[in-house]
């Protein structure tokens, strides 16, 4: 209130701060006042009251606006509150006062990294590592951000540094597996994973990474075992369950795949993850098809498409089941829809043509299968030519109804 001509508090503080530059006792008094607000901020933070902690740091800065530490800590609290614009402003103001303030450099790097701004995060991490080359956390963060940017050789270099500083850090070890795999050094990943397992024997992420690397090395049996170990440690992880189902199908252990797919689908649905639920039901539909239960396969593939209408593999699975059930016209429609949704032309071979060829090999008299196979092969040839010659007729002209093509070829 200034109705009596008294100065506002901020104007008064500004005046005191100007005088304090020349009067040491006054400067110390202002610092003590600010420190009391910091103590209150720390107490509020310990209680989990982040808003109050931020307010107390703002009050501390009213008394000592040049305090770089307060600004960095305020920025960190803003990050935790998800108020990223305010956090960035606080960090930048701190860096204006001290270009080498490590708290603010790290805060900006981590915040930008969390937001997926990898190149911007990299800039601040690199500035940090110039100040402290042996900071293991920063070296680790750089290995992660370079990996996410697709700069795998750089990711390996920073992983080398991080592992040199923190050879037993579980996060460092896990990221090292990924970066080594990214440059094809798969043989080295096993030793790293063994070390990680010693450090964190109950961590399912270690088994998950082991399964992933063994899968890359085309060792499905060993990969499946690793994924099953991960699932036992983390039974509520739907992604792990989906990998178990996938590999069980690859190995022809279809009844096992049914159980894993069913569990994974339930977990995905519970989490509201439609893509995951679609993929789990696709695996389930394939398992039932291989077991010869066409009604169950039809039901699972239909559910997959309810969750993900663009899931081409489920369209083809559905078409296969319908063919075996004698519902030829419906099967034709499903194959047409699947062919129309193909993004990668090679998927037409792996997800449709090969499976239909196998079905005809087992049952050469499977009604409706031959013309559908002929259609798919024509579409594949046409789309392949289209890739090589972009001026050729587009997808709409290629994916014509099967009945129309069959009539033209009669």
Protein backbone atom coordinates (compact mmCIF):
# COMPACT_ATOMS: atom_id res chain seq x y z
CA UNK A 1 0.00 0.00 0.00
CA UNK A 2 1.48 3.38 -0.99
CA UNK A 3 -1.32 5.83 -0.16
CA UNK A 4 0.86 7.51 2.49
CA UNK A 5 3.69 8.00 0.06
CA UNK A 6 5.72 5.08 1.42
CA UNK A 7 7.86 3.18 -1.10
CA UNK A 8 6.71 -0.26 -2.35
CA UNK A 9 8.57 -3.24 -0.91
CA UNK A 10 10.26 -4.10 -4.22
CA UNK A 11 11.36 -0.49 -4.77
CA UNK A 12 12.67 -0.44 -1.21
CA UNK A 13 14.56 -3.71 -1.67
CA UNK A 14 16.03 -2.44 -4.92
CA UNK A 15 17.29 0.65 -3.11
CA UNK A 16 18.80 -1.45 -0.32
CA UNK A 17 20.52 -3.70 -2.84
CA UNK A 18 22.04 -0.70 -4.60
CA UNK A 19 23.38 0.62 -1.30
CA UNK A 20 24.56 -2.85 -0.22
CA UNK A 21 27.02 -2.94 -3.10
CA UNK A 22 29.03 -0.37 -1.15
CA UNK A 23 28.10 -1.36 2.42
CA UNK A 24 29.25 -4.86 3.37
CA UNK A 25 27.18 -5.18 6.59
CA UNK A 26 24.01 -4.34 4.68
CA UNK A 27 24.88 -6.86 1.99
CA UNK A 28 25.37 -9.54 4.64
CA UNK A 29 22.02 -8.64 6.25
CA UNK A 30 20.21 -9.01 2.91
CA UNK A 31 21.91 -12.37 2.36
CA UNK A 32 20.76 -13.59 5.79
CA UNK A 33 17.17 -12.55 5.02
CA UNK A 34 17.35 -14.42 1.71
CA UNK A 35 18.84 -17.48 3.42
CA UNK A 36 15.85 -17.66 5.76
CA UNK A 37 13.53 -17.89 2.76
CA UNK A 38 15.75 -20.60 1.30
CA UNK A 39 15.48 -22.54 4.55
CA UNK A 40 11.69 -22.27 4.30
CA UNK A 41 11.86 -23.34 0.64
CA UNK A 42 13.88 -26.42 1.56
CA UNK A 43 11.43 -27.32 4.32
CA UNK A 44 8.49 -26.97 1.92
CA UNK A 45 10.30 -29.11 -0.64
CA UNK A 46 10.92 -31.83 1.95
CA UNK A 47 7.18 -31.81 2.71
CA UNK A 48 6.48 -32.26 -1.00
CA UNK A 49 4.92 -28.80 -1.37
CA UNK A 50 6.66 -27.73 -4.57
CA UNK A 51 4.49 -24.68 -5.18
CA UNK A 52 5.34 -23.27 -1.76
CA UNK A 53 9.01 -24.10 -2.26
CA UNK A 54 9.00 -22.17 -5.55
CA UNK A 55 7.26 -19.22 -3.88
CA UNK A 56 9.87 -19.14 -1.10
CA UNK A 57 12.73 -19.19 -3.62
CA UNK A 58 11.10 -16.29 -5.45
CA UNK A 59 11.01 -14.40 -2.14
CA UNK A 60 14.64 -15.26 -1.52
CA UNK A 61 15.46 -13.81 -4.94
CA UNK A 62 13.60 -10.60 -4.05
CA UNK A 63 16.20 -10.10 -1.31
CA UNK A 64 19.19 -11.40 -3.27
CA UNK A 65 18.42 -11.35 -7.04
CA UNK A 66 22.04 -12.02 -8.00
CA UNK A 67 22.12 -15.41 -6.25
CA UNK A 68 22.80 -17.91 -9.05
CA UNK A 69 22.17 -20.91 -6.81
CA UNK A 70 18.65 -19.77 -5.94
CA UNK A 71 17.78 -19.36 -9.61
CA UNK A 72 19.12 -22.80 -10.48
CA UNK A 73 17.17 -24.42 -7.64
CA UNK A 74 14.03 -22.54 -8.63
CA UNK A 75 14.49 -23.81 -12.18
CA UNK A 76 14.77 -27.39 -10.92
CA UNK A 77 11.52 -27.04 -8.96
CA UNK A 78 9.78 -25.64 -12.03
CA UNK A 79 10.95 -28.69 -13.99
CA UNK A 80 9.44 -30.99 -11.36
CA UNK A 81 6.21 -29.00 -11.59
CA UNK A 82 6.20 -29.35 -15.37
CA UNK A 83 6.42 -25.58 -15.82
CA UNK A 84 9.14 -25.83 -18.44
CA UNK A 85 8.96 -22.27 -19.83
CA UNK A 86 9.50 -20.82 -16.36
CA UNK A 87 12.26 -23.34 -15.67
CA UNK A 88 14.06 -22.39 -18.86
CA UNK A 89 13.82 -18.71 -17.97
CA UNK A 90 15.23 -19.33 -14.48
CA UNK A 91 18.13 -21.41 -15.82
CA UNK A 92 18.97 -18.86 -18.53
CA UNK A 93 18.95 -15.98 -16.03
CA UNK A 94 21.36 -17.97 -13.85
CA UNK A 95 23.64 -18.54 -16.85
CA UNK A 96 23.60 -14.83 -17.68
CA UNK A 97 25.04 -14.27 -14.22
CA UNK A 98 27.40 -17.24 -14.37
CA UNK A 99 28.07 -18.75 -17.80
CA UNK A 100 29.53 -21.86 -16.15
CA UNK A 101 26.79 -22.56 -13.61
CA UNK A 102 26.69 -26.34 -13.67
CA UNK A 103 23.34 -26.72 -11.98
CA UNK A 104 21.62 -24.66 -14.67
CA UNK A 105 23.54 -26.26 -17.53
CA UNK A 106 22.57 -29.70 -16.26
CA UNK A 107 19.00 -28.60 -15.56
CA UNK A 108 18.57 -27.31 -19.10
CA UNK A 109 20.15 -30.42 -20.59
CA UNK A 110 17.96 -32.84 -18.62
CA UNK A 111 14.79 -30.79 -19.16
CA UNK A 112 15.30 -30.53 -22.92
CA UNK A 113 16.21 -34.21 -23.06
CA UNK A 114 12.96 -35.13 -21.29
CA UNK A 115 11.06 -33.05 -23.85
CA UNK A 116 12.66 -34.94 -26.74
CA UNK A 117 14.76 -31.95 -27.84
CA UNK A 118 17.85 -34.09 -28.20
CA UNK A 119 20.08 -31.73 -30.19
CA UNK A 120 19.43 -28.86 -27.76
CA UNK A 121 20.09 -31.13 -24.79
CA UNK A 122 23.34 -32.27 -26.39
CA UNK A 123 24.57 -28.66 -26.54
CA UNK A 124 24.23 -28.18 -22.77
CA UNK A 125 25.66 -31.60 -21.95
CA UNK A 126 28.72 -30.82 -24.06
CA UNK A 127 29.18 -27.50 -22.27
CA UNK A 128 29.00 -29.35 -18.97
CA UNK A 129 31.55 -31.97 -19.95
CA UNK A 130 33.97 -29.23 -20.98
CA UNK A 131 33.87 -28.08 -17.35
CA UNK A 132 34.10 -31.57 -15.86
CA UNK A 133 35.33 -34.19 -18.38
CA UNK A 134 35.01 -37.03 -15.86
CA UNK A 135 31.39 -36.41 -14.89
CA UNK A 136 29.96 -39.90 -15.35
CA UNK A 137 26.31 -38.76 -15.39
CA UNK A 138 26.92 -36.27 -18.18
CA UNK A 139 28.94 -38.79 -20.23
CA UNK A 140 26.08 -41.26 -19.78
CA UNK A 141 23.49 -38.66 -20.82
CA UNK A 142 25.54 -37.87 -23.90
CA UNK A 143 25.71 -41.54 -24.86
CA UNK A 144 21.90 -41.70 -24.56
CA UNK A 145 21.24 -38.53 -26.53
CA UNK A 146 23.64 -39.48 -29.35
CA UNK A 147 21.96 -42.90 -29.51
CA UNK A 148 18.57 -41.22 -29.76
CA UNK A 149 19.89 -38.93 -32.50
CA UNK A 150 21.08 -41.98 -34.46
CA UNK A 151 24.73 -40.99 -34.08
CA UNK A 152 25.83 -44.42 -32.95
CA UNK A 153 29.61 -44.03 -33.20
CA UNK A 154 29.41 -40.94 -30.97
CA UNK A 155 27.11 -42.85 -28.61
CA UNK A 156 29.76 -45.58 -28.28
CA UNK A 157 32.49 -43.00 -27.60
CA UNK A 158 30.53 -41.40 -24.76
CA UNK A 159 29.50 -44.80 -23.46
CA UNK A 160 33.21 -45.69 -23.29
CA UNK A 161 33.77 -42.62 -21.13
CA UNK A 162 30.74 -43.29 -18.93
CA UNK A 163 31.72 -46.91 -18.30
CA UNK A 164 35.24 -45.76 -17.44
CA UNK A 165 33.86 -43.49 -14.72
CA UNK A 166 30.98 -45.69 -13.49
CA UNK A 167 31.72 -49.32 -14.46
CA UNK A 168 29.04 -50.73 -12.13
CA UNK A 169 26.21 -48.28 -12.73
CA UNK A 170 23.16 -50.31 -13.93
CA UNK A 171 21.87 -47.52 -16.21
CA UNK A 172 25.29 -47.05 -17.79
CA UNK A 173 25.61 -50.80 -18.38
CA UNK A 174 22.15 -51.08 -19.93
CA UNK A 175 22.68 -48.19 -22.31
CA UNK A 176 26.07 -49.64 -23.25
CA UNK A 177 24.37 -52.79 -24.48
CA UNK A 178 22.13 -50.75 -26.77
CA UNK A 179 24.91 -48.61 -28.20
CA UNK A 180 27.20 -51.60 -28.80
CA UNK A 181 24.36 -53.40 -30.58
CA UNK A 182 23.70 -50.31 -32.68
CA UNK A 183 27.17 -50.60 -34.26
CA UNK A 184 27.03 -54.38 -34.62
CA UNK A 185 29.29 -55.25 -31.67
CA UNK A 186 26.84 -57.89 -30.46
CA UNK A 187 29.54 -60.27 -29.22
CA UNK A 188 30.59 -57.69 -26.64
CA UNK A 189 27.11 -57.18 -25.23
CA UNK A 190 27.02 -60.50 -23.34
CA UNK A 191 29.92 -59.56 -21.06
CA UNK A 192 28.24 -56.22 -20.30
CA UNK A 193 24.93 -57.93 -19.55
CA UNK A 194 26.62 -60.46 -17.30
CA UNK A 195 28.15 -57.59 -15.35
CA UNK A 196 24.78 -55.81 -15.19
CA UNK A 197 23.14 -59.01 -13.89
CA UNK A 198 25.73 -59.20 -11.12
CA UNK A 199 24.98 -55.61 -10.13
CA UNK A 200 21.17 -55.84 -10.44
CA UNK A 201 20.13 -59.51 -10.36
CA UNK A 202 16.43 -58.71 -9.88
CA UNK A 203 16.18 -56.13 -12.67
CA UNK A 204 13.97 -57.46 -15.52
CA UNK A 205 15.45 -54.88 -17.88
CA UNK A 206 18.68 -56.90 -17.94
CA UNK A 207 16.83 -60.03 -19.09
CA UNK A 208 14.86 -57.94 -21.56
CA UNK A 209 18.05 -56.58 -23.09
CA UNK A 210 19.56 -60.05 -23.17
CA UNK A 211 16.50 -61.33 -25.00
CA UNK A 212 16.74 -58.46 -27.45
CA UNK A 213 20.42 -59.03 -28.26
CA UNK A 214 19.98 -62.79 -28.58
CA UNK A 215 17.06 -62.16 -30.92
CA UNK A 216 19.31 -59.94 -33.04
CA UNK A 217 21.80 -62.80 -33.13
CA UNK A 218 19.08 -65.15 -34.39
CA UNK A 219 19.02 -67.28 -31.24
CA UNK A 220 15.25 -67.59 -30.66
CA UNK A 221 15.39 -70.34 -28.02
CA UNK A 222 17.85 -68.43 -25.83
CA UNK A 223 16.02 -65.18 -26.53
CA UNK A 224 12.70 -66.66 -25.43
CA UNK A 225 14.23 -67.94 -22.19
CA UNK A 226 15.59 -64.47 -21.42
CA UNK A 227 12.22 -62.86 -22.09
CA UNK A 228 10.52 -65.46 -19.88
CA UNK A 229 12.98 -64.64 -17.09
CA UNK A 230 12.08 -60.97 -17.52
CA UNK A 231 8.36 -61.79 -17.43
CA UNK A 232 8.74 -63.72 -14.17
CA UNK A 233 10.39 -60.69 -12.59
CA UNK A 234 7.88 -58.23 -14.05
CA UNK A 235 4.63 -60.12 -14.77
CA UNK A 236 2.63 -56.93 -15.29
CA UNK A 237 4.79 -55.74 -18.20
CA UNK A 238 2.69 -56.26 -21.32
CA UNK A 239 5.55 -55.53 -23.73
CA UNK A 240 7.59 -58.38 -22.29
CA UNK A 241 4.60 -60.71 -22.58
CA UNK A 242 4.17 -59.73 -26.22
CA UNK A 243 7.80 -60.64 -26.95
CA UNK A 244 7.30 -64.01 -25.25
CA UNK A 245 4.25 -64.63 -27.45
CA UNK A 246 6.08 -63.59 -30.61
CA UNK A 247 9.04 -65.89 -30.02
CA UNK A 248 6.84 -68.78 -28.91
CA UNK A 249 5.06 -68.46 -32.25
CA UNK A 250 8.39 -68.32 -34.11
CA UNK A 251 9.45 -71.54 -32.38
CA UNK A 252 6.15 -73.28 -33.10
CA UNK A 253 5.13 -73.39 -29.43
CA UNK A 254 1.65 -72.17 -30.25
CA UNK A 255 -0.21 -73.18 -27.10
CA UNK A 256 2.40 -71.33 -25.06
CA UNK A 257 1.98 -68.35 -27.36
CA UNK A 258 -1.78 -68.38 -26.75
CA UNK A 259 -1.23 -67.98 -23.02
CA UNK A 260 1.36 -65.23 -23.41
CA UNK A 261 -0.71 -63.31 -25.98
CA UNK A 262 -3.83 -63.53 -23.86
CA UNK A 263 -2.01 -62.20 -20.79
CA UNK A 264 -0.38 -59.40 -22.78
CA UNK A 265 -3.67 -58.40 -24.43
CA UNK A 266 -5.37 -58.13 -21.04
CA UNK A 267 -2.56 -55.95 -19.69
CA UNK A 268 -2.57 -53.68 -22.74
CA UNK A 269 -6.34 -53.28 -22.58
CA UNK A 270 -6.14 -52.49 -18.86
CA UNK A 271 -3.56 -49.79 -19.63
CA UNK A 272 -5.66 -48.33 -22.45
CA UNK A 273 -2.93 -49.17 -24.97
CA UNK A 274 -4.83 -49.87 -28.20
CA UNK A 275 -1.77 -50.52 -30.43
CA UNK A 276 -0.43 -52.99 -27.90
CA UNK A 277 -3.80 -54.71 -27.58
CA UNK A 278 -4.03 -54.92 -31.37
CA UNK A 279 -0.61 -56.53 -31.70
CA UNK A 280 -1.27 -58.99 -28.88
CA UNK A 281 -4.55 -60.09 -30.48
CA UNK A 282 -2.79 -60.41 -33.83
CA UNK A 283 -0.27 -62.81 -32.27
CA UNK A 284 -3.15 -64.62 -30.59
CA UNK A 285 -5.00 -64.96 -33.88
CA UNK A 286 -1.91 -66.42 -35.53
CA UNK A 287 -1.40 -68.92 -32.70
CA UNK A 288 -4.97 -70.16 -32.98
CA UNK A 289 -4.61 -70.40 -36.78
CA UNK A 290 -1.52 -72.59 -36.42
CA UNK A 291 -3.37 -74.71 -33.86
CA UNK A 292 -6.19 -75.20 -36.37
CA UNK A 293 -8.81 -73.36 -34.31
CA UNK A 294 -10.18 -71.11 -37.06
CA UNK A 295 -13.12 -69.75 -35.06
CA UNK A 296 -10.82 -68.59 -32.26
CA UNK A 297 -8.37 -67.20 -34.82
CA UNK A 298 -11.19 -65.28 -36.50
CA UNK A 299 -12.32 -63.86 -33.19
CA UNK A 300 -8.82 -62.76 -32.12
CA UNK A 301 -7.96 -61.18 -35.47
CA UNK A 302 -11.30 -59.34 -35.49
CA UNK A 303 -10.49 -57.93 -32.05
CA UNK A 304 -7.04 -56.89 -33.27
CA UNK A 305 -8.63 -54.80 -36.02
CA UNK A 306 -11.06 -53.24 -33.56
CA UNK A 307 -8.05 -51.88 -31.69
CA UNK A 308 -5.92 -51.08 -34.77
CA UNK A 309 -7.91 -50.94 -38.04
CA UNK A 310 -4.72 -50.40 -40.07
CA UNK A 311 -2.99 -53.56 -38.80
CA UNK A 312 -2.38 -55.26 -42.15
CA UNK A 313 -1.15 -58.55 -40.68
CA UNK A 314 -4.46 -58.96 -38.86
CA UNK A 315 -6.36 -58.41 -42.12
CA UNK A 316 -4.35 -61.24 -43.72
CA UNK A 317 -4.74 -63.51 -40.66
CA UNK A 318 -8.46 -62.89 -40.80
CA UNK A 319 -8.49 -63.69 -44.51
CA UNK A 320 -6.72 -67.01 -43.89
CA UNK A 321 -9.17 -68.04 -41.18
CA UNK A 322 -12.15 -67.09 -43.33
CA UNK A 323 -10.79 -69.14 -46.23
CA UNK A 324 -10.48 -72.22 -44.03
CA UNK A 325 -14.02 -71.63 -42.80
CA UNK A 326 -15.26 -71.53 -46.42
CA UNK A 327 -16.24 -67.85 -46.28
CA UNK A 328 -14.45 -67.01 -49.52
CA UNK A 329 -16.09 -63.69 -50.40
CA UNK A 330 -15.33 -62.28 -46.95
CA UNK A 331 -11.75 -63.53 -47.21
CA UNK A 332 -11.34 -61.74 -50.55
CA UNK A 333 -12.47 -58.48 -48.98
CA UNK A 334 -10.01 -58.85 -46.11
CA UNK A 335 -7.10 -59.52 -48.45
CA UNK A 336 -8.05 -56.51 -50.57
CA UNK A 337 -8.22 -54.29 -47.49
CA UNK A 338 -4.90 -55.58 -46.25
CA UNK A 339 -3.21 -55.06 -49.61
CA UNK A 340 -4.57 -51.52 -49.79
CA UNK A 341 -3.03 -50.70 -46.38
CA UNK A 342 0.45 -52.09 -47.08
CA UNK A 343 3.19 -49.53 -46.41
CA UNK A 344 6.30 -51.67 -46.95
CA UNK A 345 5.90 -53.72 -50.14
CA UNK A 346 7.99 -56.55 -48.69
CA UNK A 347 5.32 -57.04 -46.01
CA UNK A 348 3.01 -58.31 -48.71
CA UNK A 349 5.36 -61.26 -49.15
CA UNK A 350 6.09 -61.98 -45.50
CA UNK A 351 2.64 -61.31 -44.06
CA UNK A 352 0.38 -62.61 -46.84
CA UNK A 353 1.90 -64.40 -49.82
CA UNK A 354 4.15 -66.84 -47.95
CA UNK A 355 1.39 -67.84 -45.54
CA UNK A 356 -1.10 -68.41 -48.33
CA UNK A 357 1.46 -70.43 -50.30
CA UNK A 358 2.01 -72.60 -47.20
CA UNK A 359 -1.74 -73.08 -46.80
CA UNK A 360 -2.07 -74.20 -50.43
CA UNK A 361 0.89 -76.54 -50.05
CA UNK A 362 -0.85 -78.24 -47.14
CA UNK A 363 -4.23 -78.22 -48.90
CA UNK A 364 -3.99 -77.69 -52.68
CA UNK A 365 -7.81 -77.80 -52.89
CA UNK A 366 -8.41 -74.93 -50.46
CA UNK A 367 -11.36 -73.15 -52.07
CA UNK A 368 -10.76 -69.55 -53.09
CA UNK A 369 -7.07 -69.55 -52.16
CA UNK A 370 -5.57 -69.75 -55.68
CA UNK A 371 -7.21 -66.60 -57.13
CA UNK A 372 -6.39 -64.65 -53.97
CA UNK A 373 -2.76 -65.75 -54.19
CA UNK A 374 -2.69 -64.76 -57.86
CA UNK A 375 -4.09 -61.35 -56.93
CA UNK A 376 -1.52 -60.82 -54.19
CA UNK A 377 1.37 -61.78 -56.46
CA UNK A 378 0.12 -59.38 -59.15
CA UNK A 379 -0.19 -56.59 -56.59
CA UNK A 380 3.31 -57.33 -55.28
CA UNK A 381 4.81 -57.26 -58.79
CA UNK A 382 2.97 -54.06 -59.68
CA UNK A 383 3.91 -52.25 -56.46
CA UNK A 384 7.53 -53.36 -56.84
CA UNK A 385 7.59 -51.91 -60.35
CA UNK A 386 5.90 -48.79 -59.03
CA UNK A 387 8.75 -48.29 -56.56
CA UNK A 388 11.30 -48.55 -59.36
CA UNK A 389 9.20 -46.44 -61.77
CA UNK A 390 7.23 -43.76 -59.92
CA UNK A 391 5.43 -42.73 -63.12
CA UNK A 392 3.62 -46.08 -63.25
CA UNK A 393 -0.06 -46.23 -62.14
CA UNK A 394 -0.49 -45.68 -58.40
CA UNK A 395 -1.74 -47.95 -55.65
CA UNK A 396 -5.43 -47.38 -56.37
CA UNK A 397 -4.99 -48.68 -59.90
CA UNK A 398 -2.98 -51.66 -58.70
CA UNK A 399 -5.19 -52.90 -55.87
CA UNK A 400 -8.31 -53.77 -57.87
CA UNK A 401 -11.03 -56.14 -56.67
CA UNK A 402 -10.11 -59.81 -56.99
CA UNK A 403 -13.27 -60.68 -58.86
CA UNK A 404 -12.51 -58.04 -61.48
CA UNK A 405 -8.97 -59.37 -62.02
CA UNK A 406 -10.17 -62.95 -62.05
CA UNK A 407 -12.70 -62.08 -64.77
CA UNK A 408 -10.07 -60.31 -66.83
CA UNK A 409 -7.75 -63.32 -66.61
CA UNK A 410 -10.44 -65.92 -67.37
